[in-house]
Protein backbone atom coordinates (compact mmCIF):
# COMPACT_ATOMS: atom_id res chain seq x y z
CA UNK A 1 98.60 -3.01 -16.34
CA UNK A 2 98.17 -3.29 -19.97
CA UNK A 3 98.88 -0.16 -22.14
CA UNK A 4 96.12 1.42 -24.15
CA UNK A 5 97.12 3.15 -27.34
CA UNK A 6 95.10 6.42 -27.06
CA UNK A 7 97.11 7.56 -30.15
CA UNK A 8 95.77 4.50 -32.32
CA UNK A 9 92.24 5.38 -31.03
CA UNK A 10 92.75 9.03 -32.23
CA UNK A 11 94.06 7.96 -35.49
CA UNK A 12 90.85 5.75 -35.99
CA UNK A 13 88.78 8.61 -35.13
CA UNK A 14 90.54 10.87 -37.48
CA UNK A 15 90.00 8.35 -40.20
CA UNK A 16 86.31 8.37 -39.55
CA UNK A 17 86.00 12.07 -39.06
CA UNK A 18 83.56 13.43 -41.72
CA UNK A 19 81.82 10.42 -42.56
CA UNK A 20 78.02 10.73 -43.22
CA UNK A 21 75.65 8.73 -45.30
CA UNK A 22 74.95 10.26 -48.74
CA UNK A 23 71.45 11.77 -49.04
CA UNK A 24 69.47 11.98 -52.28
CA UNK A 25 69.89 15.53 -53.96
CA UNK A 26 68.29 17.65 -56.49
CA UNK A 27 68.62 21.39 -56.21
CA UNK A 28 71.67 23.42 -55.21
CA UNK A 29 72.65 26.85 -53.71
CA UNK A 30 76.45 26.53 -53.03
CA UNK A 31 78.74 25.65 -55.92
CA UNK A 32 80.62 22.39 -56.20
CA UNK A 33 83.71 24.02 -54.65
CA UNK A 34 81.81 25.95 -52.05
CA UNK A 35 80.16 22.63 -50.91
CA UNK A 36 83.46 21.05 -50.27
CA UNK A 37 84.63 23.99 -48.29
CA UNK A 38 81.75 24.14 -46.29
CA UNK A 39 81.87 20.55 -45.48
CA UNK A 40 85.57 20.87 -44.37
CA UNK A 41 85.03 23.84 -42.29
CA UNK A 42 81.95 22.26 -40.51
CA UNK A 43 83.80 19.00 -39.66
CA UNK A 44 87.51 20.31 -39.12
CA UNK A 45 86.87 23.89 -37.85
CA UNK A 46 83.38 23.28 -36.08
CA UNK A 47 82.13 26.22 -38.00
CA UNK A 48 78.48 26.52 -37.24
CA UNK A 49 77.64 29.07 -39.98
CA UNK A 50 79.15 26.87 -42.63
CA UNK A 51 77.15 23.86 -41.24
CA UNK A 52 73.88 25.90 -41.21
CA UNK A 53 74.42 27.09 -44.85
CA UNK A 54 75.15 23.50 -45.99
CA UNK A 55 72.13 22.02 -44.07
CA UNK A 56 69.84 24.75 -45.59
CA UNK A 57 70.99 23.88 -48.99
CA UNK A 58 70.67 20.12 -48.56
CA UNK A 59 67.51 19.99 -46.33
CA UNK A 60 64.91 20.11 -49.00
CA UNK A 61 66.21 16.64 -50.20
CA UNK A 62 66.58 15.04 -46.84
CA UNK A 63 63.08 15.22 -45.64
CA UNK A 64 63.70 18.32 -43.51
CA UNK A 65 66.57 16.60 -41.70
CA UNK A 66 69.88 18.18 -41.03
CA UNK A 67 72.77 16.71 -43.00
CA UNK A 68 75.17 17.67 -40.38
CA UNK A 69 74.39 17.12 -36.62
CA UNK A 70 74.21 20.57 -35.24
CA UNK A 71 74.80 19.35 -31.61
CA UNK A 72 78.37 18.99 -32.34
CA UNK A 73 78.74 22.73 -32.20
CA UNK A 74 77.17 23.26 -28.91
CA UNK A 75 80.21 21.54 -27.23
CA UNK A 76 82.68 19.93 -29.51
CA UNK A 77 84.67 18.39 -26.78
CA UNK A 78 81.53 16.72 -25.26
CA UNK A 79 80.45 15.64 -28.62
CA UNK A 80 83.79 14.00 -29.18
CA UNK A 81 83.55 12.34 -25.73
CA UNK A 82 80.38 10.60 -26.98
CA UNK A 83 82.14 9.43 -29.99
CA UNK A 84 84.90 7.99 -27.75
CA UNK A 85 82.60 6.35 -25.41
CA UNK A 86 83.40 2.88 -26.60
CA UNK A 87 87.21 3.32 -26.42
CA UNK A 88 89.15 1.68 -23.51
CA UNK A 89 91.27 3.85 -21.22
CA UNK A 90 93.54 2.70 -18.26
CA UNK A 91 91.27 1.89 -15.29
CA UNK A 92 92.89 4.47 -12.94
CA UNK A 93 91.62 7.78 -11.50
CA UNK A 94 93.13 9.69 -14.36
CA UNK A 95 90.97 7.66 -17.06
CA UNK A 96 88.24 10.25 -17.45
CA UNK A 97 90.60 13.09 -17.39
CA UNK A 98 92.68 11.42 -20.12
CA UNK A 99 89.60 10.84 -22.15
CA UNK A 100 88.62 14.58 -21.83
CA UNK A 101 92.01 15.76 -22.80
CA UNK A 102 92.15 13.43 -25.74
CA UNK A 103 88.83 14.98 -27.04
CA UNK A 104 90.19 18.50 -26.46
CA UNK A 105 93.33 17.44 -28.35
CA UNK A 106 91.11 16.14 -31.32
CA UNK A 107 89.33 19.38 -31.40
CA UNK A 108 92.01 21.97 -30.84
CA UNK A 109 94.47 20.36 -33.27
CA UNK A 110 91.72 20.37 -35.97
CA UNK A 111 90.16 23.79 -35.43
CA UNK A 112 93.29 25.71 -36.82
CA UNK A 113 93.20 23.87 -40.08
CA UNK A 114 92.48 25.93 -43.16
CA UNK A 115 91.34 24.20 -46.39
CA UNK A 116 90.61 25.86 -49.62
CA UNK A 117 89.30 24.50 -52.97
CA UNK A 118 91.83 24.78 -55.72
CA UNK A 119 90.19 23.00 -58.62
CA UNK A 120 87.38 20.65 -59.61
CA UNK A 121 86.51 18.09 -62.33
CA UNK A 122 83.12 16.82 -63.25
CA UNK A 123 82.65 13.51 -64.93
CA UNK A 124 81.31 13.93 -68.65
CA UNK A 125 78.75 11.17 -68.27
CA UNK A 126 76.41 10.34 -65.38
CA UNK A 127 76.68 7.10 -63.50
CA UNK A 128 73.42 5.58 -62.03
CA UNK A 129 71.64 8.56 -62.84
CA UNK A 130 74.11 11.03 -61.07
CA UNK A 131 77.05 13.04 -62.03
CA UNK A 132 80.23 12.54 -60.12
CA UNK A 133 82.77 15.19 -59.37
CA UNK A 134 86.08 15.55 -57.44
CA UNK A 135 87.33 18.76 -55.72
CA UNK A 136 90.95 19.33 -54.97
CA UNK A 137 91.73 21.07 -51.78
CA UNK A 138 94.91 22.51 -50.30
CA UNK A 139 95.06 22.61 -46.64
CA UNK A 140 97.36 24.30 -44.17
CA UNK A 141 97.82 22.43 -40.86
CA UNK A 142 100.08 23.18 -37.86
CA UNK A 143 103.76 22.41 -38.34
CA UNK A 144 104.30 20.89 -34.94
CA UNK A 145 107.05 18.51 -35.12
CA UNK A 146 109.66 20.98 -33.60
CA UNK A 147 107.45 21.83 -30.72
CA UNK A 148 106.49 18.23 -30.19
CA UNK A 149 110.17 17.07 -30.14
CA UNK A 150 110.77 19.82 -27.36
CA UNK A 151 107.94 18.21 -25.53
CA UNK A 152 109.75 14.80 -25.91
CA UNK A 153 113.00 16.25 -24.67
CA UNK A 154 111.54 17.95 -21.61
CA UNK A 155 109.52 14.92 -20.36
CA UNK A 156 111.43 11.68 -19.70
CA UNK A 157 109.64 8.59 -21.20
CA UNK A 158 106.97 10.72 -22.97
CA UNK A 159 104.92 8.42 -25.21
CA UNK A 160 101.47 9.06 -26.51
CA UNK A 161 100.74 5.34 -26.66
CA UNK A 162 100.25 5.53 -23.01
CA UNK A 163 99.98 9.36 -22.14
CA UNK A 164 99.73 11.09 -18.79
CA UNK A 165 97.50 14.13 -18.42
CA UNK A 166 100.63 16.38 -18.19
CA UNK A 167 101.77 14.95 -21.58
CA UNK A 168 98.52 15.57 -23.18
CA UNK A 169 98.37 19.06 -21.96
CA UNK A 170 101.86 19.66 -23.28
CA UNK A 171 100.92 18.32 -26.76
CA UNK A 172 97.84 20.41 -26.93
CA UNK A 173 99.87 23.50 -26.25
CA UNK A 174 102.55 22.48 -28.72
CA UNK A 175 100.06 22.14 -31.62
CA UNK A 176 98.53 25.72 -30.43
CA UNK A 177 102.09 27.23 -30.66
CA UNK A 178 102.93 25.52 -34.21
CA UNK A 179 103.01 27.76 -37.39
CA UNK A 180 100.23 26.99 -39.73
CA UNK A 181 102.79 26.10 -42.51
CA UNK A 182 102.52 22.48 -43.13
CA UNK A 183 100.59 21.83 -46.66
CA UNK A 184 98.49 18.86 -47.47
CA UNK A 185 96.77 18.25 -50.71
CA UNK A 186 93.51 16.17 -50.67
CA UNK A 187 90.60 15.36 -52.76
CA UNK A 188 86.88 15.03 -52.12
CA UNK A 189 84.24 13.30 -54.10
CA UNK A 190 80.53 14.86 -54.71
CA UNK A 191 77.52 13.72 -56.47
CA UNK A 192 74.67 15.65 -58.11
CA UNK A 193 71.54 14.85 -60.18
CA UNK A 194 71.37 15.27 -64.00
CA UNK A 195 70.80 18.95 -63.67
CA UNK A 196 73.93 19.30 -61.52
CA UNK A 197 72.12 21.61 -59.29
CA UNK A 198 72.83 20.25 -55.65
CA UNK A 199 76.22 18.71 -54.94
CA UNK A 200 76.25 16.24 -52.12
CA UNK A 201 79.33 15.12 -50.37
CA UNK A 202 80.03 11.40 -51.19
CA UNK A 203 80.28 9.09 -48.19
CA UNK A 204 83.01 6.97 -49.85
CA UNK A 205 85.79 9.74 -50.24
CA UNK A 206 85.91 12.92 -48.35
CA UNK A 207 89.55 13.19 -48.04
CA UNK A 208 89.43 14.67 -44.64
CA UNK A 209 91.33 11.54 -43.13
CA UNK A 210 94.32 12.59 -45.28
CA UNK A 211 94.30 15.90 -43.35
CA UNK A 212 93.75 14.97 -39.96
CA UNK A 213 96.22 12.06 -40.49
CA UNK A 214 98.83 14.50 -41.50
CA UNK A 215 98.41 16.31 -38.26
CA UNK A 216 98.40 13.12 -36.11
CA UNK A 217 101.40 11.52 -37.72
CA UNK A 218 103.58 14.42 -36.54
CA UNK A 219 103.50 12.83 -32.99
CA UNK A 220 105.41 9.84 -34.48
CA UNK A 221 107.67 12.05 -36.44
CA UNK A 222 108.56 13.68 -33.19
CA UNK A 223 109.32 10.50 -31.54
CA UNK A 224 106.30 10.59 -29.09
CA UNK A 225 104.59 7.57 -30.39
CA UNK A 226 104.18 5.16 -33.21
């Protein structure tokens, strides 16, 4: 039976995490740096209060619509499962369990990440009627390589390219035990109107993929997959 690389699927989801179409903007409540932090907290930490604040600030410019889909906070694992619905998994009795465990892995390895804005720069001239800015963020993620390597040693043939439910559970536990000490620097682009009153996350570069990728790549560093 052909192997299915769930790890590759996860990396694809990680790269797409945080993608949202930009909406027109005009007035603001959160600062430039606060907007970036709220965005990261919503998408990485599943922080409902951060999402509510961001939605409240941006709703007047989005015809009353939420900028961030609040259904993701009701059951993050179920929400991830919907995003994974088109992925192929081995057609055996453990297929649905593997999908749910992969969704749990995505949620739990992400929820511990902590990102802080450490600087910003705003363009001196507007382009296409909007100012563009970049916020630098410093993120702490689980340093799980040692824990994952222990999983590799304890389970013969362990490979996240074709995981078993037991392997996925052990990997989830490894990330939960890992200290929050690996630092990843990233940047996020935002835009605002001429008054610089409401900053909108750009759809082109959120920087979240660098953070989630830094978490997922540790699986390969530990010899559990490519």
